[in-house]
């Protein structure tokens, strides 16, 4: 781990996508986030459309806060494996500009169902790089549960990363989260 980021086991953090692979899309779209690497405004876009979506599989974890663990050590660290799109062009219209989906395949929250499906919807601000997401459980849904995520898109560790805080008001739980855009064909970190 470094700079508050995550560590993905089994993959090389410095892996570059191969040309022509699905991850090359992620690398090309990475240029749309010019300046996210902490540079002083050098335009690294290479002619890419700054309104191009940043899309793919995002992998990481959501950790309970230390304060929460002090009173309830049973709150788990949950994996993040989201198919998620951040669409700078959609943010201009004021509509949903961050959307995706995923599932937990080892949940014990709903009796008789190991899988919990959810959608992700919210806003991505390409200027401030803020991301606000609601994770809404779909089928079977545990009592209309919604987990709220607030974070920031950056590339401090190389590849695109989302880092922030989460809150589940239904359960009174909260914590931090981080995930990186990965190459869907090989599981390597894109960048």
N, C-alpha and C. Protein backbone atom coordinates (compact mmCIF):
# COMPACT_ATOMS: atom_id res chain seq x y z
N UNK A 1 0.84 -1.18 0.00
CA UNK A 1 0.00 0.00 0.00
C UNK A 1 0.88 1.23 0.00
N UNK A 2 0.37 2.27 -0.62
CA UNK A 2 1.10 3.51 -0.62
C UNK A 2 0.17 4.67 -0.84
N UNK A 3 0.44 5.75 -0.18
CA UNK A 3 -0.33 6.98 -0.34
C UNK A 3 -1.82 6.74 -0.12
N UNK A 4 -2.18 5.86 0.80
CA UNK A 4 -3.59 5.61 1.10
C UNK A 4 -4.26 4.71 0.09
N UNK A 5 -3.51 4.10 -0.80
CA UNK A 5 -4.09 3.28 -1.85
C UNK A 5 -4.30 1.86 -1.42
N UNK A 6 -4.53 1.01 -2.39
CA UNK A 6 -4.78 -0.39 -2.12
C UNK A 6 -3.67 -1.22 -2.71
N UNK A 7 -3.59 -2.45 -2.28
CA UNK A 7 -2.65 -3.40 -2.83
C UNK A 7 -3.43 -4.55 -3.43
N UNK A 8 -3.26 -4.78 -4.71
CA UNK A 8 -3.95 -5.87 -5.38
C UNK A 8 -3.03 -7.06 -5.45
N UNK A 9 -3.41 -8.14 -4.80
CA UNK A 9 -2.58 -9.34 -4.81
C UNK A 9 -2.55 -9.99 -6.18
N UNK A 10 -1.41 -10.57 -6.55
CA UNK A 10 -1.29 -11.34 -7.76
C UNK A 10 -1.00 -10.54 -9.01
N UNK A 11 -1.07 -9.23 -8.94
CA UNK A 11 -0.82 -8.43 -10.14
C UNK A 11 0.31 -7.46 -9.89
N UNK A 12 0.93 -7.05 -10.94
CA UNK A 12 2.00 -6.07 -10.83
C UNK A 12 1.41 -4.67 -10.88
N UNK A 13 1.68 -3.85 -9.88
CA UNK A 13 1.11 -2.51 -9.84
C UNK A 13 1.55 -1.68 -11.03
N UNK A 14 2.71 -1.98 -11.56
CA UNK A 14 3.21 -1.18 -12.66
C UNK A 14 2.86 -1.75 -14.03
N UNK A 15 2.01 -2.77 -14.08
CA UNK A 15 1.71 -3.42 -15.35
C UNK A 15 1.02 -2.45 -16.29
N UNK A 16 1.47 -2.45 -17.52
CA UNK A 16 0.85 -1.63 -18.55
C UNK A 16 -0.03 -2.50 -19.41
N UNK A 17 -1.14 -1.96 -19.89
CA UNK A 17 -1.98 -2.76 -20.75
C UNK A 17 -1.28 -3.02 -22.07
N UNK A 18 -1.51 -4.21 -22.62
CA UNK A 18 -0.92 -4.52 -23.92
C UNK A 18 -1.75 -3.86 -25.01
N UNK A 19 -1.11 -3.54 -26.09
CA UNK A 19 -1.80 -2.90 -27.20
C UNK A 19 -2.84 -3.84 -27.77
N UNK A 20 -4.03 -3.30 -28.04
CA UNK A 20 -5.09 -4.07 -28.64
C UNK A 20 -5.94 -4.84 -27.65
N UNK A 21 -5.56 -4.86 -26.39
CA UNK A 21 -6.35 -5.57 -25.39
C UNK A 21 -7.45 -4.66 -24.87
N UNK A 22 -8.45 -5.24 -24.20
CA UNK A 22 -9.50 -4.39 -23.62
C UNK A 22 -8.94 -3.34 -22.67
N UNK A 23 -7.82 -3.64 -22.01
CA UNK A 23 -7.27 -2.68 -21.07
C UNK A 23 -6.65 -1.49 -21.78
N UNK A 24 -6.35 -1.62 -23.09
CA UNK A 24 -5.81 -0.47 -23.79
C UNK A 24 -6.83 0.66 -23.83
N UNK A 25 -8.12 0.29 -23.78
CA UNK A 25 -9.17 1.30 -23.69
C UNK A 25 -9.01 2.08 -22.39
N UNK A 26 -8.79 1.34 -21.29
CA UNK A 26 -8.61 2.02 -20.01
C UNK A 26 -7.40 2.94 -20.05
N UNK A 27 -6.31 2.48 -20.69
CA UNK A 27 -5.12 3.31 -20.78
C UNK A 27 -5.38 4.54 -21.62
N UNK A 28 -6.09 4.37 -22.72
CA UNK A 28 -6.39 5.51 -23.58
C UNK A 28 -7.30 6.50 -22.86
N UNK A 29 -8.27 5.97 -22.13
CA UNK A 29 -9.18 6.84 -21.39
C UNK A 29 -8.46 7.51 -20.23
N UNK A 30 -7.39 6.89 -19.75
CA UNK A 30 -6.60 7.48 -18.68
C UNK A 30 -6.08 8.85 -19.08
N UNK A 31 -5.81 9.03 -20.34
CA UNK A 31 -5.33 10.32 -20.82
C UNK A 31 -6.40 11.38 -20.67
N UNK A 32 -7.68 10.97 -20.61
CA UNK A 32 -8.76 11.94 -20.47
C UNK A 32 -8.75 12.60 -19.11
N UNK A 33 -8.00 12.06 -18.18
CA UNK A 33 -7.95 12.62 -16.84
C UNK A 33 -6.70 13.45 -16.64
N UNK A 34 -6.21 14.05 -17.68
CA UNK A 34 -4.98 14.82 -17.61
C UNK A 34 -4.86 15.62 -16.35
N UNK A 35 -3.69 15.54 -15.73
CA UNK A 35 -3.44 16.28 -14.50
C UNK A 35 -3.76 15.50 -13.25
N UNK A 36 -4.42 14.32 -13.35
CA UNK A 36 -4.78 13.56 -12.17
C UNK A 36 -3.58 12.92 -11.51
N UNK A 37 -2.44 12.95 -12.17
CA UNK A 37 -1.24 12.33 -11.61
C UNK A 37 -0.46 13.29 -10.73
N UNK A 38 -1.05 14.43 -10.44
CA UNK A 38 -0.38 15.41 -9.59
C UNK A 38 0.53 16.33 -10.38
N UNK A 39 0.48 16.26 -11.70
CA UNK A 39 1.33 17.12 -12.51
C UNK A 39 0.85 18.56 -12.42
N UNK A 40 1.62 19.46 -12.96
CA UNK A 40 1.29 20.88 -12.86
C UNK A 40 0.49 21.37 -14.06
N UNK A 41 -0.36 20.48 -14.63
CA UNK A 41 -1.21 20.92 -15.71
C UNK A 41 -0.70 20.52 -17.08
N UNK A 42 0.41 19.80 -17.16
CA UNK A 42 0.91 19.32 -18.44
C UNK A 42 -0.18 18.50 -19.11
N UNK A 43 -0.52 18.81 -20.34
CA UNK A 43 -1.59 18.12 -21.05
C UNK A 43 -1.09 16.79 -21.59
N UNK A 44 -1.46 15.72 -20.89
CA UNK A 44 -1.02 14.38 -21.30
C UNK A 44 -2.08 13.66 -22.11
N UNK A 45 -3.07 14.37 -22.59
CA UNK A 45 -4.18 13.74 -23.28
C UNK A 45 -3.85 13.25 -24.67
N UNK A 46 -2.86 13.81 -25.30
CA UNK A 46 -2.48 13.34 -26.62
C UNK A 46 -3.60 13.39 -27.62
N UNK A 47 -4.46 14.40 -27.54
CA UNK A 47 -5.54 14.54 -28.50
C UNK A 47 -6.79 13.75 -28.15
N UNK A 48 -6.80 13.04 -27.01
CA UNK A 48 -7.98 12.28 -26.61
C UNK A 48 -9.10 13.23 -26.19
N UNK A 49 -10.31 12.77 -26.35
CA UNK A 49 -11.50 13.53 -25.97
C UNK A 49 -11.59 13.62 -24.44
N UNK A 50 -11.54 14.83 -23.86
CA UNK A 50 -11.62 14.95 -22.40
C UNK A 50 -12.98 14.54 -21.85
N UNK A 51 -13.98 14.37 -22.71
CA UNK A 51 -15.30 13.93 -22.27
C UNK A 51 -15.50 12.43 -22.45
N UNK A 52 -14.44 11.70 -22.82
CA UNK A 52 -14.55 10.25 -22.98
C UNK A 52 -14.78 9.60 -21.63
N UNK A 53 -15.67 8.61 -21.55
CA UNK A 53 -15.91 7.91 -20.28
C UNK A 53 -14.67 7.16 -19.80
N UNK A 54 -14.55 7.02 -18.50
CA UNK A 54 -13.54 6.20 -17.85
C UNK A 54 -14.31 4.98 -17.34
N UNK A 55 -14.08 3.83 -17.96
CA UNK A 55 -14.95 2.69 -17.70
C UNK A 55 -14.15 1.40 -17.58
N UNK A 56 -14.70 0.47 -16.81
CA UNK A 56 -14.10 -0.85 -16.69
C UNK A 56 -14.41 -1.48 -15.35
N UNK A 57 -13.60 -2.48 -15.01
CA UNK A 57 -13.73 -3.17 -13.73
C UNK A 57 -12.85 -2.47 -12.71
N UNK A 58 -13.44 -2.15 -11.57
CA UNK A 58 -12.75 -1.49 -10.47
C UNK A 58 -12.68 -2.49 -9.31
N UNK A 59 -11.49 -2.72 -8.78
CA UNK A 59 -11.28 -3.73 -7.75
C UNK A 59 -10.59 -3.09 -6.54
N UNK A 60 -11.07 -3.44 -5.35
CA UNK A 60 -10.48 -2.91 -4.13
C UNK A 60 -11.19 -3.44 -2.90
N UNK A 61 -11.28 -2.59 -1.85
CA UNK A 61 -11.90 -2.99 -0.60
C UNK A 61 -12.56 -1.79 0.08
N UNK A 62 -13.54 -2.12 0.93
CA UNK A 62 -14.20 -1.13 1.79
C UNK A 62 -13.97 -1.58 3.23
N UNK A 63 -13.29 -0.73 4.02
CA UNK A 63 -12.90 -1.06 5.37
C UNK A 63 -13.80 -0.35 6.38
N UNK A 64 -14.19 -1.04 7.47
CA UNK A 64 -14.90 -0.35 8.55
C UNK A 64 -13.96 0.62 9.25
N UNK A 65 -14.53 1.69 9.80
CA UNK A 65 -13.71 2.68 10.51
C UNK A 65 -13.14 2.05 11.80
N UNK A 66 -11.98 2.52 12.25
CA UNK A 66 -11.42 2.01 13.51
C UNK A 66 -12.36 2.22 14.69
N UNK A 67 -13.08 3.34 14.69
CA UNK A 67 -14.03 3.61 15.78
C UNK A 67 -15.15 2.58 15.79
N UNK A 68 -15.61 2.18 14.62
CA UNK A 68 -16.66 1.18 14.50
C UNK A 68 -16.15 -0.18 14.97
N UNK A 69 -14.95 -0.55 14.54
CA UNK A 69 -14.37 -1.83 14.94
C UNK A 69 -14.13 -1.91 16.44
N UNK A 70 -13.89 -0.76 17.08
CA UNK A 70 -13.67 -0.75 18.52
C UNK A 70 -14.93 -1.17 19.29
N UNK A 71 -16.10 -0.87 18.73
CA UNK A 71 -17.35 -1.24 19.40
C UNK A 71 -17.98 -2.51 18.82
N UNK A 72 -17.64 -2.84 17.56
CA UNK A 72 -18.18 -4.06 16.93
C UNK A 72 -17.13 -4.66 16.00
N UNK A 73 -16.28 -5.53 16.54
CA UNK A 73 -15.20 -6.11 15.74
C UNK A 73 -15.69 -7.09 14.67
N UNK A 74 -16.99 -7.39 14.65
CA UNK A 74 -17.51 -8.33 13.65
C UNK A 74 -17.82 -7.69 12.30
N UNK A 75 -17.74 -6.36 12.20
CA UNK A 75 -18.02 -5.69 10.92
C UNK A 75 -16.90 -6.05 9.95
N UNK A 76 -17.26 -6.67 8.80
CA UNK A 76 -16.21 -7.16 7.90
C UNK A 76 -15.65 -6.08 6.97
N UNK A 77 -14.45 -6.36 6.47
CA UNK A 77 -13.92 -5.63 5.32
C UNK A 77 -14.54 -6.29 4.10
N UNK A 78 -15.14 -5.50 3.24
CA UNK A 78 -15.83 -6.06 2.07
C UNK A 78 -15.04 -5.81 0.80
N UNK A 79 -15.05 -6.78 -0.10
CA UNK A 79 -14.37 -6.58 -1.38
C UNK A 79 -15.17 -5.63 -2.26
N UNK A 80 -14.47 -4.92 -3.13
CA UNK A 80 -15.11 -4.12 -4.16
C UNK A 80 -14.73 -4.74 -5.49
N UNK A 81 -15.73 -5.08 -6.28
CA UNK A 81 -15.52 -5.53 -7.65
C UNK A 81 -16.71 -4.99 -8.44
N UNK A 82 -16.50 -3.79 -8.96
CA UNK A 82 -17.57 -3.06 -9.62
C UNK A 82 -17.29 -2.92 -11.11
N UNK A 83 -18.31 -3.05 -11.90
CA UNK A 83 -18.27 -2.59 -13.28
C UNK A 83 -18.83 -1.17 -13.22
N UNK A 84 -17.99 -0.18 -13.51
CA UNK A 84 -18.36 1.21 -13.26
C UNK A 84 -17.89 2.12 -14.38
N UNK A 85 -18.75 3.07 -14.75
CA UNK A 85 -18.44 4.08 -15.76
C UNK A 85 -18.51 5.45 -15.10
N UNK A 86 -17.47 6.26 -15.32
CA UNK A 86 -17.49 7.67 -14.94
C UNK A 86 -17.55 8.43 -16.26
N UNK A 87 -18.64 9.18 -16.47
CA UNK A 87 -18.88 9.81 -17.77
C UNK A 87 -18.84 11.33 -17.65
N UNK A 88 -17.68 11.95 -17.97
CA UNK A 88 -17.56 13.40 -17.86
C UNK A 88 -18.57 14.14 -18.73
N UNK A 89 -18.91 13.58 -19.90
CA UNK A 89 -19.86 14.23 -20.79
C UNK A 89 -21.26 14.31 -20.18
N UNK A 90 -21.67 13.28 -19.47
CA UNK A 90 -23.00 13.26 -18.86
C UNK A 90 -23.10 14.23 -17.70
N UNK A 91 -21.97 14.55 -17.08
CA UNK A 91 -22.02 15.47 -15.94
C UNK A 91 -22.45 16.86 -16.36
N UNK A 92 -22.21 17.21 -17.62
CA UNK A 92 -22.60 18.53 -18.11
C UNK A 92 -24.12 18.69 -18.18
N UNK A 93 -24.83 17.58 -18.35
CA UNK A 93 -26.29 17.66 -18.44
C UNK A 93 -26.97 17.60 -17.08
N UNK A 94 -26.19 17.33 -16.03
CA UNK A 94 -26.75 17.28 -14.68
C UNK A 94 -27.39 15.94 -14.34
N UNK A 95 -27.33 14.98 -15.26
CA UNK A 95 -27.91 13.66 -15.01
C UNK A 95 -26.94 12.74 -14.30
N UNK A 96 -27.27 11.45 -14.32
CA UNK A 96 -26.39 10.45 -13.73
C UNK A 96 -25.13 10.39 -14.57
N UNK A 97 -23.99 10.58 -13.95
CA UNK A 97 -22.72 10.57 -14.67
C UNK A 97 -21.75 9.53 -14.13
N UNK A 98 -22.20 8.73 -13.16
CA UNK A 98 -21.46 7.59 -12.64
C UNK A 98 -22.47 6.46 -12.47
N UNK A 99 -22.22 5.33 -13.11
CA UNK A 99 -23.18 4.24 -13.03
C UNK A 99 -22.49 2.91 -13.25
N UNK A 100 -23.07 1.86 -12.66
CA UNK A 100 -22.49 0.54 -12.78
C UNK A 100 -23.30 -0.48 -12.02
N UNK A 101 -22.68 -1.65 -11.77
CA UNK A 101 -23.36 -2.74 -11.08
C UNK A 101 -22.33 -3.73 -10.54
N UNK A 102 -22.82 -4.67 -9.73
CA UNK A 102 -21.98 -5.72 -9.20
C UNK A 102 -22.79 -6.66 -8.33
N UNK A 103 -22.11 -7.60 -7.67
CA UNK A 103 -22.80 -8.50 -6.75
C UNK A 103 -21.82 -9.01 -5.71
N UNK A 104 -22.36 -9.41 -4.56
CA UNK A 104 -21.63 -10.17 -3.56
C UNK A 104 -22.02 -11.61 -3.78
N UNK A 105 -21.06 -12.51 -3.85
CA UNK A 105 -21.42 -13.91 -4.05
C UNK A 105 -21.25 -14.75 -2.80
N UNK A 106 -20.98 -14.12 -1.66
CA UNK A 106 -20.85 -14.87 -0.41
C UNK A 106 -21.59 -14.20 0.74
N UNK A 107 -22.66 -13.52 0.41
CA UNK A 107 -23.40 -12.78 1.42
C UNK A 107 -24.23 -13.72 2.29
N UNK A 108 -24.42 -13.32 3.53
CA UNK A 108 -25.31 -14.04 4.44
C UNK A 108 -26.41 -13.10 4.92
N UNK A 109 -26.61 -11.99 4.23
CA UNK A 109 -27.56 -10.97 4.67
C UNK A 109 -29.01 -11.34 4.44
N UNK A 110 -29.30 -12.13 3.40
CA UNK A 110 -30.67 -12.53 3.09
C UNK A 110 -30.74 -14.05 3.17
N UNK A 111 -31.49 -14.59 4.11
CA UNK A 111 -31.54 -16.05 4.28
C UNK A 111 -31.92 -16.76 2.96
N UNK A 112 -31.15 -17.80 2.64
CA UNK A 112 -31.42 -18.58 1.43
C UNK A 112 -30.81 -18.01 0.16
N UNK A 113 -30.14 -16.87 0.26
CA UNK A 113 -29.54 -16.24 -0.92
C UNK A 113 -28.09 -15.89 -0.63
N UNK A 114 -27.17 -16.51 -1.36
CA UNK A 114 -25.76 -16.18 -1.20
C UNK A 114 -25.36 -14.97 -2.02
N UNK A 115 -26.13 -14.65 -3.07
CA UNK A 115 -25.78 -13.53 -3.94
C UNK A 115 -26.67 -12.33 -3.66
N UNK A 116 -26.06 -11.17 -3.59
CA UNK A 116 -26.78 -9.91 -3.49
C UNK A 116 -26.35 -9.05 -4.67
N UNK A 117 -27.31 -8.64 -5.49
CA UNK A 117 -27.04 -7.81 -6.66
C UNK A 117 -27.27 -6.35 -6.31
N UNK A 118 -26.48 -5.46 -6.89
CA UNK A 118 -26.67 -4.04 -6.64
C UNK A 118 -26.33 -3.25 -7.89
N UNK A 119 -26.91 -2.06 -7.94
CA UNK A 119 -26.55 -1.09 -8.97
C UNK A 119 -25.84 0.07 -8.28
N UNK A 120 -25.03 0.76 -9.06
CA UNK A 120 -24.33 1.96 -8.60
C UNK A 120 -24.80 3.11 -9.45
N UNK A 121 -25.15 4.21 -8.82
CA UNK A 121 -25.58 5.39 -9.57
C UNK A 121 -25.22 6.65 -8.80
N UNK A 122 -24.84 7.66 -9.56
CA UNK A 122 -24.46 8.89 -8.88
C UNK A 122 -23.87 9.91 -9.81
N UNK A 123 -22.94 10.68 -9.29
CA UNK A 123 -22.38 11.82 -10.03
C UNK A 123 -20.86 11.78 -10.03
N UNK A 124 -20.29 12.18 -11.16
CA UNK A 124 -18.86 12.36 -11.31
C UNK A 124 -18.63 13.77 -11.81
N UNK A 125 -17.83 14.54 -11.09
CA UNK A 125 -17.50 15.90 -11.50
C UNK A 125 -16.10 15.89 -12.10
N UNK A 126 -15.97 16.07 -13.43
CA UNK A 126 -14.66 15.98 -14.06
C UNK A 126 -13.72 17.13 -13.69
N UNK A 127 -14.24 18.21 -13.15
CA UNK A 127 -13.40 19.35 -12.75
C UNK A 127 -12.79 19.11 -11.37
N UNK A 128 -13.63 18.78 -10.38
CA UNK A 128 -13.13 18.55 -9.02
C UNK A 128 -12.68 17.11 -8.82
N UNK A 129 -13.10 16.20 -9.71
CA UNK A 129 -12.81 14.76 -9.68
C UNK A 129 -13.56 14.06 -8.55
N UNK A 130 -14.59 14.72 -8.00
CA UNK A 130 -15.42 14.13 -6.95
C UNK A 130 -16.36 13.08 -7.54
N UNK A 131 -16.56 12.00 -6.79
CA UNK A 131 -17.48 10.94 -7.16
C UNK A 131 -18.41 10.70 -5.99
N UNK A 132 -19.72 10.73 -6.25
CA UNK A 132 -20.74 10.39 -5.25
C UNK A 132 -21.55 9.24 -5.81
N UNK A 133 -21.64 8.13 -5.06
CA UNK A 133 -22.35 6.95 -5.52
C UNK A 133 -23.32 6.45 -4.47
N UNK A 134 -24.46 5.96 -4.92
CA UNK A 134 -25.37 5.18 -4.09
C UNK A 134 -25.28 3.74 -4.59
N UNK A 135 -24.96 2.82 -3.68
CA UNK A 135 -25.00 1.39 -4.00
C UNK A 135 -26.37 0.92 -3.52
N UNK A 136 -27.24 0.56 -4.48
CA UNK A 136 -28.62 0.19 -4.19
C UNK A 136 -28.78 -1.31 -4.44
N UNK A 137 -29.11 -2.06 -3.41
CA UNK A 137 -29.30 -3.50 -3.55
C UNK A 137 -30.60 -3.77 -4.29
N UNK A 138 -30.54 -4.67 -5.26
CA UNK A 138 -31.66 -4.91 -6.17
C UNK A 138 -32.42 -6.20 -5.89
N UNK A 139 -31.77 -7.35 -6.01
CA UNK A 139 -32.49 -8.61 -5.85
C UNK A 139 -31.61 -9.67 -5.25
N UNK A 140 -32.04 -10.31 -4.26
CA UNK A 140 -33.07 -9.87 -3.31
C UNK A 140 -32.51 -8.73 -2.47
N UNK A 141 -33.34 -7.77 -2.19
CA UNK A 141 -32.88 -6.56 -1.50
C UNK A 141 -33.06 -6.69 0.01
N UNK A 142 -32.01 -6.44 0.78
CA UNK A 142 -32.13 -6.44 2.24
C UNK A 142 -32.71 -5.12 2.75
N UNK A 143 -34.02 -5.07 2.91
CA UNK A 143 -34.72 -3.92 3.51
C UNK A 143 -34.38 -2.57 2.89
N UNK A 144 -34.31 -2.48 1.58
CA UNK A 144 -34.06 -1.20 0.92
C UNK A 144 -32.74 -0.57 1.28
N UNK A 145 -31.77 -1.38 1.60
CA UNK A 145 -30.47 -0.88 2.05
C UNK A 145 -29.74 -0.14 0.93
N UNK A 146 -29.20 1.04 1.28
CA UNK A 146 -28.40 1.84 0.36
C UNK A 146 -27.10 2.21 1.08
N UNK A 147 -25.98 1.99 0.40
CA UNK A 147 -24.69 2.39 0.94
C UNK A 147 -24.22 3.59 0.13
N UNK A 148 -23.86 4.66 0.81
CA UNK A 148 -23.43 5.90 0.14
C UNK A 148 -21.91 5.99 0.15
N UNK A 149 -21.35 6.26 -1.03
CA UNK A 149 -19.91 6.40 -1.21
C UNK A 149 -19.60 7.82 -1.67
N UNK A 150 -18.60 8.44 -1.06
CA UNK A 150 -18.10 9.74 -1.50
C UNK A 150 -16.60 9.58 -1.67
N UNK A 151 -16.09 10.00 -2.82
CA UNK A 151 -14.67 9.82 -3.05
C UNK A 151 -14.12 10.74 -4.11
N UNK A 152 -12.91 10.46 -4.49
CA UNK A 152 -12.19 11.28 -5.45
C UNK A 152 -11.45 10.36 -6.42
N UNK A 153 -11.48 10.72 -7.71
CA UNK A 153 -10.71 10.02 -8.72
C UNK A 153 -9.31 10.62 -8.74
N UNK A 154 -8.29 9.76 -8.72
CA UNK A 154 -6.90 10.22 -8.80
C UNK A 154 -6.05 9.14 -9.43
N UNK A 155 -4.80 9.45 -9.61
CA UNK A 155 -3.83 8.47 -10.13
C UNK A 155 -2.52 8.61 -9.35
N UNK A 156 -2.61 8.76 -8.05
CA UNK A 156 -1.41 8.95 -7.21
C UNK A 156 -0.50 7.74 -7.23
N UNK A 157 -1.05 6.55 -7.42
CA UNK A 157 -0.27 5.32 -7.43
C UNK A 157 -0.03 4.80 -8.84
N UNK A 158 -0.36 5.60 -9.87
CA UNK A 158 -0.17 5.18 -11.27
C UNK A 158 -1.49 5.03 -11.99
N UNK A 159 -2.19 3.92 -11.77
CA UNK A 159 -3.48 3.72 -12.46
C UNK A 159 -4.58 4.56 -11.82
N UNK A 160 -5.71 4.68 -12.54
CA UNK A 160 -6.87 5.36 -11.96
C UNK A 160 -7.29 4.67 -10.68
N UNK A 161 -7.62 5.48 -9.67
CA UNK A 161 -8.04 4.97 -8.37
C UNK A 161 -9.14 5.86 -7.84
N UNK A 162 -10.10 5.25 -7.17
CA UNK A 162 -11.14 5.96 -6.44
C UNK A 162 -10.90 5.70 -4.96
N UNK A 163 -10.89 6.76 -4.15
CA UNK A 163 -10.63 6.65 -2.72
C UNK A 163 -11.58 7.57 -1.98
N UNK A 164 -12.15 7.08 -0.87
CA UNK A 164 -13.06 7.94 -0.12
C UNK A 164 -13.64 7.27 1.10
N UNK A 165 -14.85 7.71 1.46
CA UNK A 165 -15.55 7.19 2.64
C UNK A 165 -16.89 6.59 2.22
N UNK A 166 -17.40 5.68 3.05
CA UNK A 166 -18.71 5.07 2.81
C UNK A 166 -19.53 5.14 4.09
N UNK A 167 -20.86 5.06 3.91
CA UNK A 167 -21.77 5.10 5.06
C UNK A 167 -23.01 4.27 4.75
N UNK A 168 -23.38 3.39 5.68
CA UNK A 168 -24.61 2.61 5.59
C UNK A 168 -25.49 3.03 6.75
N UNK A 169 -26.45 3.90 6.47
CA UNK A 169 -27.30 4.43 7.54
C UNK A 169 -28.22 3.38 8.14
N UNK A 170 -28.62 2.38 7.34
CA UNK A 170 -29.49 1.32 7.84
C UNK A 170 -28.83 0.58 9.00
N UNK A 171 -27.54 0.27 8.87
CA UNK A 171 -26.82 -0.48 9.89
C UNK A 171 -26.00 0.42 10.82
N UNK A 172 -25.92 1.72 10.52
CA UNK A 172 -25.12 2.62 11.34
C UNK A 172 -23.63 2.34 11.23
N UNK A 173 -23.19 1.90 10.04
CA UNK A 173 -21.78 1.59 9.82
C UNK A 173 -21.17 2.58 8.84
N UNK A 174 -19.84 2.71 8.92
CA UNK A 174 -19.13 3.64 8.04
C UNK A 174 -17.66 3.25 8.00
N UNK A 175 -16.96 3.82 7.03
CA UNK A 175 -15.54 3.53 6.92
C UNK A 175 -14.94 4.17 5.69
N UNK A 176 -13.85 3.58 5.19
CA UNK A 176 -13.15 4.09 4.02
C UNK A 176 -13.14 3.02 2.93
N UNK A 177 -12.83 3.47 1.71
CA UNK A 177 -12.78 2.54 0.58
C UNK A 177 -11.78 3.02 -0.45
N UNK A 178 -11.31 2.09 -1.26
CA UNK A 178 -10.42 2.41 -2.34
C UNK A 178 -10.50 1.30 -3.37
N UNK A 179 -10.47 1.67 -4.64
CA UNK A 179 -10.46 0.67 -5.71
C UNK A 179 -9.73 1.24 -6.92
N UNK A 180 -9.16 0.33 -7.72
CA UNK A 180 -8.42 0.73 -8.90
C UNK A 180 -9.06 0.14 -10.15
N UNK A 181 -8.92 0.88 -11.25
CA UNK A 181 -9.36 0.40 -12.54
C UNK A 181 -8.39 -0.68 -12.99
N UNK A 182 -8.91 -1.87 -13.33
CA UNK A 182 -8.06 -2.99 -13.72
C UNK A 182 -8.38 -3.45 -15.14
N UNK A 183 -7.47 -4.21 -15.71
CA UNK A 183 -7.63 -4.81 -17.02
C UNK A 183 -8.56 -6.00 -16.86
N UNK A 184 -9.74 -5.93 -17.44
CA UNK A 184 -10.72 -6.98 -17.32
C UNK A 184 -10.30 -8.29 -17.93
N UNK A 185 -9.37 -8.29 -18.88
CA UNK A 185 -9.00 -9.55 -19.52
C UNK A 185 -7.92 -10.30 -18.76
N UNK A 186 -7.07 -9.60 -17.98
CA UNK A 186 -5.97 -10.27 -17.31
C UNK A 186 -5.95 -10.05 -15.80
N UNK A 187 -6.74 -9.10 -15.30
CA UNK A 187 -6.71 -8.79 -13.88
C UNK A 187 -5.57 -7.88 -13.49
N UNK A 188 -4.77 -7.42 -14.44
CA UNK A 188 -3.67 -6.51 -14.12
C UNK A 188 -4.20 -5.11 -13.94
N UNK A 189 -3.51 -4.34 -13.14
CA UNK A 189 -3.88 -2.95 -12.94
C UNK A 189 -3.62 -2.19 -14.24
N UNK A 190 -4.62 -1.43 -14.67
CA UNK A 190 -4.47 -0.65 -15.90
C UNK A 190 -3.69 0.62 -15.58
N UNK A 191 -3.05 1.18 -16.53
CA UNK A 191 -2.39 2.44 -16.25
C UNK A 191 -1.36 2.65 -17.25
